[in-house]
Amino acid sequence: MKEYVLSESELGELSGLQTGATASFALGTLLIGFWFTISQAIDFADKVPPLIVTKWHVYGTVAFWTALIAFGVGAFFRIRGHTRLGKIKSETTHSA
């Protein structure tokens, strides 16, 4: 088994990237659920004033696009963490 030496700052950086990715994906999932619930409620609602429908449609649209941004940020953190880990591995030399 190969061992890789991590400094405290590298470990903190990797931990922060993982935490950021997890939080971003959680927020994105929450917002997609919110958007889906709003969309479903608007589709099945009867006799709702158009102003209310428009207002909730805007909320849903904002939630949807914010979720996509959150997923993008989460993917960025995940890729950045993977790239950083690969760099740490490539910089480590092992004795034969």
N, C-alpha and C. Protein backbone atom coordinates (compact mmCIF):
# COMPACT_ATOMS: atom_id res chain seq x y z
N MET A 1 0.84 -1.17 0.00
CA MET A 1 0.00 0.00 0.00
C MET A 1 0.88 1.24 0.00
N LYS A 2 0.57 2.17 -0.86
CA LYS A 2 1.35 3.40 -0.93
C LYS A 2 0.81 4.40 0.08
N GLU A 3 1.72 5.13 0.68
CA GLU A 3 1.34 6.16 1.64
C GLU A 3 1.69 7.52 1.06
N TYR A 4 0.86 8.50 1.34
CA TYR A 4 1.08 9.85 0.84
C TYR A 4 1.09 10.80 2.03
N VAL A 5 2.12 11.60 2.09
CA VAL A 5 2.26 12.55 3.18
C VAL A 5 1.43 13.79 2.84
N LEU A 6 0.56 14.16 3.76
CA LEU A 6 -0.26 15.36 3.61
C LEU A 6 0.08 16.35 4.71
N SER A 7 0.26 17.57 4.32
CA SER A 7 0.46 18.60 5.35
C SER A 7 -0.91 18.99 5.90
N GLU A 8 -0.90 19.69 6.99
CA GLU A 8 -2.15 20.14 7.63
C GLU A 8 -2.95 21.03 6.68
N SER A 9 -2.24 21.90 5.95
CA SER A 9 -2.93 22.80 5.02
C SER A 9 -3.53 22.03 3.84
N GLU A 10 -2.84 21.01 3.33
CA GLU A 10 -3.38 20.20 2.24
C GLU A 10 -4.60 19.42 2.69
N LEU A 11 -4.53 18.87 3.88
CA LEU A 11 -5.67 18.13 4.41
C LEU A 11 -6.87 19.06 4.61
N GLY A 12 -6.59 20.27 5.11
CA GLY A 12 -7.66 21.25 5.28
C GLY A 12 -8.26 21.67 3.95
N GLU A 13 -7.40 21.83 2.93
CA GLU A 13 -7.88 22.22 1.60
C GLU A 13 -8.77 21.13 1.00
N LEU A 14 -8.32 19.87 1.09
CA LEU A 14 -9.12 18.77 0.57
C LEU A 14 -10.44 18.63 1.32
N SER A 15 -10.38 18.81 2.62
CA SER A 15 -11.60 18.74 3.43
C SER A 15 -12.57 19.86 3.06
N GLY A 16 -12.03 21.05 2.87
CA GLY A 16 -12.88 22.18 2.48
C GLY A 16 -13.52 21.98 1.12
N LEU A 17 -12.76 21.42 0.18
CA LEU A 17 -13.31 21.16 -1.15
C LEU A 17 -14.42 20.11 -1.09
N GLN A 18 -14.21 19.08 -0.30
CA GLN A 18 -15.25 18.05 -0.14
C GLN A 18 -16.50 18.63 0.53
N THR A 19 -16.29 19.45 1.55
CA THR A 19 -17.42 20.08 2.24
C THR A 19 -18.18 21.01 1.31
N GLY A 20 -17.44 21.79 0.53
CA GLY A 20 -18.08 22.69 -0.43
C GLY A 20 -18.88 21.93 -1.48
N ALA A 21 -18.32 20.83 -1.98
CA ALA A 21 -19.03 20.02 -2.97
C ALA A 21 -20.30 19.42 -2.37
N THR A 22 -20.20 18.88 -1.17
CA THR A 22 -21.36 18.28 -0.52
C THR A 22 -22.45 19.32 -0.26
N ALA A 23 -22.06 20.48 0.25
CA ALA A 23 -23.03 21.54 0.53
C ALA A 23 -23.68 22.04 -0.76
N SER A 24 -22.90 22.18 -1.82
CA SER A 24 -23.45 22.65 -3.09
C SER A 24 -24.43 21.65 -3.69
N PHE A 25 -24.08 20.37 -3.65
CA PHE A 25 -24.99 19.36 -4.17
C PHE A 25 -26.25 19.25 -3.32
N ALA A 26 -26.11 19.40 -2.01
CA ALA A 26 -27.29 19.37 -1.12
C ALA A 26 -28.22 20.56 -1.41
N LEU A 27 -27.65 21.74 -1.58
CA LEU A 27 -28.45 22.91 -1.89
C LEU A 27 -29.14 22.75 -3.24
N GLY A 28 -28.41 22.26 -4.24
CA GLY A 28 -28.99 22.04 -5.56
C GLY A 28 -30.15 21.05 -5.51
N THR A 29 -29.98 19.98 -4.74
CA THR A 29 -31.04 18.98 -4.60
C THR A 29 -32.26 19.57 -3.91
N LEU A 30 -32.03 20.35 -2.87
CA LEU A 30 -33.13 21.01 -2.17
C LEU A 30 -33.90 21.93 -3.12
N LEU A 31 -33.19 22.71 -3.90
CA LEU A 31 -33.84 23.65 -4.82
C LEU A 31 -34.56 22.94 -5.96
N ILE A 32 -34.02 21.84 -6.45
CA ILE A 32 -34.72 21.07 -7.48
C ILE A 32 -36.02 20.51 -6.91
N GLY A 33 -35.99 20.04 -5.69
CA GLY A 33 -37.21 19.55 -5.04
C GLY A 33 -38.23 20.66 -4.87
N PHE A 34 -37.77 21.84 -4.48
CA PHE A 34 -38.65 23.01 -4.34
C PHE A 34 -39.27 23.37 -5.68
N TRP A 35 -38.44 23.41 -6.73
CA TRP A 35 -38.92 23.72 -8.08
C TRP A 35 -39.95 22.70 -8.54
N PHE A 36 -39.67 21.41 -8.31
CA PHE A 36 -40.59 20.36 -8.74
C PHE A 36 -41.93 20.48 -8.01
N THR A 37 -41.88 20.74 -6.72
CA THR A 37 -43.11 20.88 -5.94
C THR A 37 -43.94 22.06 -6.43
N ILE A 38 -43.28 23.18 -6.69
CA ILE A 38 -43.98 24.36 -7.20
C ILE A 38 -44.60 24.06 -8.57
N SER A 39 -43.83 23.44 -9.45
CA SER A 39 -44.33 23.13 -10.79
C SER A 39 -45.53 22.20 -10.73
N GLN A 40 -45.44 21.20 -9.88
CA GLN A 40 -46.54 20.25 -9.74
C GLN A 40 -47.77 20.92 -9.14
N ALA A 41 -47.57 21.76 -8.15
CA ALA A 41 -48.70 22.45 -7.51
C ALA A 41 -49.38 23.40 -8.51
N ILE A 42 -48.60 24.09 -9.32
CA ILE A 42 -49.18 25.00 -10.32
C ILE A 42 -49.97 24.20 -11.35
N ASP A 43 -49.44 23.07 -11.77
CA ASP A 43 -50.11 22.26 -12.79
C ASP A 43 -51.44 21.69 -12.31
N PHE A 44 -51.52 21.33 -11.04
CA PHE A 44 -52.72 20.68 -10.53
C PHE A 44 -53.67 21.61 -9.79
N ALA A 45 -53.31 22.86 -9.63
CA ALA A 45 -54.16 23.81 -8.89
C ALA A 45 -55.33 24.26 -9.77
N ASP A 46 -56.47 24.42 -9.14
CA ASP A 46 -57.66 24.92 -9.82
C ASP A 46 -58.02 26.29 -9.30
N LYS A 47 -58.47 27.14 -10.19
CA LYS A 47 -59.00 28.46 -9.85
C LYS A 47 -58.04 29.30 -9.02
N VAL A 48 -56.80 29.34 -9.43
CA VAL A 48 -55.80 30.17 -8.75
C VAL A 48 -55.64 31.44 -9.59
N PRO A 49 -55.66 32.60 -8.95
CA PRO A 49 -55.50 33.84 -9.71
C PRO A 49 -54.18 33.85 -10.50
N PRO A 50 -54.21 34.39 -11.71
CA PRO A 50 -53.01 34.40 -12.56
C PRO A 50 -51.81 35.09 -11.91
N LEU A 51 -52.05 36.11 -11.09
CA LEU A 51 -50.95 36.79 -10.43
C LEU A 51 -50.21 35.85 -9.48
N ILE A 52 -50.96 35.04 -8.76
CA ILE A 52 -50.34 34.07 -7.83
C ILE A 52 -49.56 33.01 -8.61
N VAL A 53 -50.15 32.53 -9.70
CA VAL A 53 -49.47 31.53 -10.53
C VAL A 53 -48.17 32.10 -11.09
N THR A 54 -48.22 33.34 -11.57
CA THR A 54 -47.03 33.98 -12.12
C THR A 54 -45.96 34.15 -11.05
N LYS A 55 -46.37 34.58 -9.86
CA LYS A 55 -45.42 34.79 -8.77
C LYS A 55 -44.70 33.48 -8.42
N TRP A 56 -45.45 32.39 -8.28
CA TRP A 56 -44.85 31.11 -7.92
C TRP A 56 -44.06 30.51 -9.08
N HIS A 57 -44.49 30.81 -10.30
CA HIS A 57 -43.71 30.37 -11.46
C HIS A 57 -42.33 31.04 -11.46
N VAL A 58 -42.29 32.31 -11.11
CA VAL A 58 -41.00 33.03 -11.02
C VAL A 58 -40.13 32.43 -9.91
N TYR A 59 -40.74 32.16 -8.75
CA TYR A 59 -39.99 31.52 -7.66
C TYR A 59 -39.41 30.19 -8.12
N GLY A 60 -40.21 29.40 -8.82
CA GLY A 60 -39.75 28.11 -9.30
C GLY A 60 -38.63 28.23 -10.31
N THR A 61 -38.74 29.20 -11.21
CA THR A 61 -37.71 29.40 -12.22
C THR A 61 -36.39 29.83 -11.56
N VAL A 62 -36.47 30.72 -10.61
CA VAL A 62 -35.26 31.15 -9.88
C VAL A 62 -34.65 29.96 -9.14
N ALA A 63 -35.49 29.15 -8.50
CA ALA A 63 -34.99 27.98 -7.78
C ALA A 63 -34.30 27.00 -8.74
N PHE A 64 -34.90 26.79 -9.91
CA PHE A 64 -34.33 25.87 -10.89
C PHE A 64 -32.94 26.32 -11.35
N TRP A 65 -32.83 27.58 -11.76
CA TRP A 65 -31.54 28.08 -12.25
C TRP A 65 -30.50 28.18 -11.15
N THR A 66 -30.94 28.51 -9.95
CA THR A 66 -30.01 28.53 -8.81
C THR A 66 -29.51 27.12 -8.51
N ALA A 67 -30.39 26.13 -8.65
CA ALA A 67 -29.99 24.73 -8.44
C ALA A 67 -28.94 24.32 -9.46
N LEU A 68 -29.13 24.71 -10.71
CA LEU A 68 -28.14 24.37 -11.73
C LEU A 68 -26.78 25.02 -11.42
N ILE A 69 -26.82 26.24 -10.95
CA ILE A 69 -25.57 26.92 -10.56
C ILE A 69 -24.92 26.19 -9.39
N ALA A 70 -25.74 25.79 -8.41
CA ALA A 70 -25.21 25.07 -7.24
C ALA A 70 -24.59 23.74 -7.67
N PHE A 71 -25.23 23.04 -8.60
CA PHE A 71 -24.64 21.79 -9.11
C PHE A 71 -23.32 22.06 -9.83
N GLY A 72 -23.26 23.15 -10.58
CA GLY A 72 -22.02 23.52 -11.25
C GLY A 72 -20.91 23.82 -10.27
N VAL A 73 -21.24 24.54 -9.21
CA VAL A 73 -20.25 24.86 -8.17
C VAL A 73 -19.79 23.57 -7.48
N GLY A 74 -20.73 22.68 -7.20
CA GLY A 74 -20.39 21.40 -6.58
C GLY A 74 -19.47 20.58 -7.46
N ALA A 75 -19.76 20.57 -8.77
CA ALA A 75 -18.89 19.84 -9.70
C ALA A 75 -17.50 20.47 -9.75
N PHE A 76 -17.46 21.80 -9.72
CA PHE A 76 -16.16 22.49 -9.70
C PHE A 76 -15.36 22.09 -8.48
N PHE A 77 -15.98 22.10 -7.30
CA PHE A 77 -15.28 21.71 -6.07
C PHE A 77 -14.81 20.26 -6.15
N ARG A 78 -15.65 19.39 -6.69
CA ARG A 78 -15.30 17.97 -6.78
C ARG A 78 -14.12 17.76 -7.73
N ILE A 79 -14.16 18.41 -8.88
CA ILE A 79 -13.07 18.29 -9.85
C ILE A 79 -11.79 18.90 -9.30
N ARG A 80 -11.92 20.04 -8.64
CA ARG A 80 -10.76 20.71 -8.05
C ARG A 80 -10.11 19.82 -6.99
N GLY A 81 -10.93 19.17 -6.16
CA GLY A 81 -10.40 18.26 -5.15
C GLY A 81 -9.70 17.07 -5.77
N HIS A 82 -10.29 16.52 -6.82
CA HIS A 82 -9.67 15.38 -7.50
C HIS A 82 -8.35 15.79 -8.15
N THR A 83 -8.33 16.97 -8.77
CA THR A 83 -7.10 17.47 -9.39
C THR A 83 -6.02 17.71 -8.34
N ARG A 84 -6.41 18.29 -7.21
CA ARG A 84 -5.45 18.56 -6.13
C ARG A 84 -4.89 17.26 -5.57
N LEU A 85 -5.75 16.27 -5.40
CA LEU A 85 -5.30 14.98 -4.88
C LEU A 85 -4.34 14.31 -5.87
N GLY A 86 -4.63 14.41 -7.16
CA GLY A 86 -3.73 13.87 -8.17
C GLY A 86 -2.38 14.55 -8.15
N LYS A 87 -2.38 15.87 -7.90
CA LYS A 87 -1.12 16.60 -7.83
C LYS A 87 -0.31 16.15 -6.61
N ILE A 88 -0.98 15.95 -5.49
CA ILE A 88 -0.28 15.48 -4.29
C ILE A 88 0.33 14.10 -4.55
N LYS A 89 -0.44 13.22 -5.21
CA LYS A 89 0.08 11.88 -5.51
C LYS A 89 1.28 11.94 -6.45
N SER A 90 1.22 12.82 -7.46
CA SER A 90 2.33 12.89 -8.42
C SER A 90 3.58 13.50 -7.82
N GLU A 91 3.43 14.33 -6.82
CA GLU A 91 4.58 14.96 -6.16
C GLU A 91 5.24 14.06 -5.13
N THR A 92 4.58 12.97 -4.77
CA THR A 92 5.11 12.06 -3.76
C THR A 92 5.94 10.98 -4.43
N THR A 93 7.13 10.79 -3.93
CA THR A 93 7.99 9.73 -4.45
C THR A 93 8.03 8.59 -3.43
N HIS A 94 8.05 7.38 -3.96
CA HIS A 94 8.10 6.19 -3.10
C HIS A 94 9.41 5.45 -3.33
N SER A 95 9.98 4.98 -2.25
CA SER A 95 11.23 4.20 -2.35
C SER A 95 10.86 2.77 -2.79
N ALA A 96 11.70 2.20 -3.59
CA ALA A 96 11.45 0.85 -4.10
C ALA A 96 11.71 -0.20 -3.07
